[in-house]
């Protein structure tokens, strides 16, 4: 899997978790624990996305 396709897959999963969080927040019997778990997963994905994006960006030497 190329870096671009891996990033695209991570971003797709990130968006899916965002939608799931929104659904949970609007559901009357939603679990706070479930929402926290989803937010942690979303944050972990975001951190991985940012790390991969930083790794693919060439660094400038001073």
C-alpha atoms as a PDB file:
ATOM      1  CA  UNK A   1       0.000   0.000   0.000  1.00  0.00           C
ATOM      2  CA  UNK A   2       1.406   3.375  -0.974  1.00  0.00           C
ATOM      3  CA  UNK A   3       1.742   6.197   1.526  1.00  0.00           C
ATOM      4  CA  UNK A   4      -0.982   8.184  -0.243  1.00  0.00           C
ATOM      5  CA  UNK A   5      -3.477   5.325  -0.157  1.00  0.00           C
ATOM      6  CA  UNK A   6      -2.605   4.601   3.478  1.00  0.00           C
ATOM      7  CA  UNK A   7      -3.218   8.257   4.376  1.00  0.00           C
ATOM      8  CA  UNK A   8      -6.499   8.226   2.460  1.00  0.00           C
ATOM      9  CA  UNK A   9      -7.634   5.113   4.338  1.00  0.00           C
ATOM     10  CA  UNK A  10      -6.724   6.664   7.708  1.00  0.00           C
ATOM     11  CA  UNK A  11      -8.596   9.861   6.820  1.00  0.00           C
ATOM     12  CA  UNK A  12     -11.630   7.796   5.766  1.00  0.00           C
ATOM     13  CA  UNK A  13     -11.593   5.952   9.097  1.00  0.00           C
ATOM     14  CA  UNK A  14     -11.174   9.296  10.918  1.00  0.00           C
ATOM     15  CA  UNK A  15     -14.300  10.659   9.197  1.00  0.00           C
ATOM     16  CA  UNK A  16     -16.252   7.472   9.961  1.00  0.00           C
ATOM     17  CA  UNK A  17     -15.417   7.809  13.656  1.00  0.00           C
ATOM     18  CA  UNK A  18     -16.451  11.481  13.552  1.00  0.00           C
ATOM     19  CA  UNK A  19     -19.853  10.467  12.162  1.00  0.00           C
ATOM     20  CA  UNK A  20     -20.175   7.752  14.795  1.00  0.00           C
ATOM     21  CA  UNK A  21     -19.429  10.297  17.540  1.00  0.00           C
ATOM     22  CA  UNK A  22     -22.076  12.640  16.146  1.00  0.00           C
ATOM     23  CA  UNK A  23     -24.597   9.806  16.091  1.00  0.00           C
ATOM     24  CA  UNK A  24     -23.790   8.856  19.681  1.00  0.00           C
ATOM     25  CA  UNK A  25     -24.053  12.474  20.855  1.00  0.00           C
ATOM     26  CA  UNK A  26     -27.551  12.797  19.389  1.00  0.00           C
ATOM     27  CA  UNK A  27     -28.784   9.466  20.677  1.00  0.00           C
ATOM     28  CA  UNK A  28     -30.691   9.774  23.979  1.00  0.00           C
ATOM     29  CA  UNK A  29     -29.206   6.636  25.514  1.00  0.00           C
ATOM     30  CA  UNK A  30     -25.641   7.144  24.382  1.00  0.00           C
ATOM     31  CA  UNK A  31     -22.826   6.024  26.636  1.00  0.00           C
ATOM     32  CA  UNK A  32     -20.314   8.619  27.814  1.00  0.00           C
ATOM     33  CA  UNK A  33     -17.720   5.866  27.992  1.00  0.00           C
ATOM     34  CA  UNK A  34     -18.365   4.925  24.343  1.00  0.00           C
ATOM     35  CA  UNK A  35     -18.035   8.560  23.263  1.00  0.00           C
ATOM     36  CA  UNK A  36     -14.731   8.922  25.121  1.00  0.00           C
ATOM     37  CA  UNK A  37     -13.468   5.694  23.527  1.00  0.00           C
ATOM     38  CA  UNK A  38     -14.411   6.944  20.057  1.00  0.00           C
ATOM     39  CA  UNK A  39     -12.736  10.303  20.662  1.00  0.00           C
ATOM     40  CA  UNK A  40      -9.533   8.546  21.733  1.00  0.00           C
ATOM     41  CA  UNK A  41      -9.568   6.429  18.576  1.00  0.00           C
ATOM     42  CA  UNK A  42     -10.160   9.541  16.482  1.00  0.00           C
ATOM     43  CA  UNK A  43      -7.286  11.386  18.164  1.00  0.00           C
ATOM     44  CA  UNK A  44      -4.942   8.425  17.694  1.00  0.00           C
ATOM     45  CA  UNK A  45      -5.797   8.317  13.985  1.00  0.00           C
ATOM     46  CA  UNK A  46      -5.282  12.072  13.658  1.00  0.00           C
ATOM     47  CA  UNK A  47      -1.865  11.817  15.295  1.00  0.00           C
ATOM     48  CA  UNK A  48      -0.890   8.997  12.934  1.00  0.00           C
ATOM     49  CA  UNK A  49      -2.101  11.011   9.919  1.00  0.00           C
ATOM     50  CA  UNK A  50      -0.117  14.075  11.002  1.00  0.00           C
ATOM     51  CA  UNK A  51       3.019  11.988  11.626  1.00  0.00           C
ATOM     52  CA  UNK A  52       2.819  10.370   8.194  1.00  0.00           C
ATOM     53  CA  UNK A  53       2.209  13.738   6.536  1.00  0.00           C
ATOM     54  CA  UNK A  54       5.217  15.201   8.352  1.00  0.00           C
ATOM     55  CA  UNK A  55       7.368  12.235   7.328  1.00  0.00           C
ATOM     56  CA  UNK A  56       6.494  12.681   3.650  1.00  0.00           C
ATOM     57  CA  UNK A  57       7.191  16.428   3.693  1.00  0.00           C
ATOM     58  CA  UNK A  58      10.823  17.206   2.876  1.00  0.00           C
ATOM     59  CA  UNK A  59      12.614  19.035   5.642  1.00  0.00           C
ATOM     60  CA  UNK A  60      14.617  22.146   4.975  1.00  0.00           C
ATOM     61  CA  UNK A  61      18.115  22.299   6.328  1.00  0.00           C
ATOM     62  CA  UNK A  62      19.299  25.566   7.836  1.00  0.00           C
END
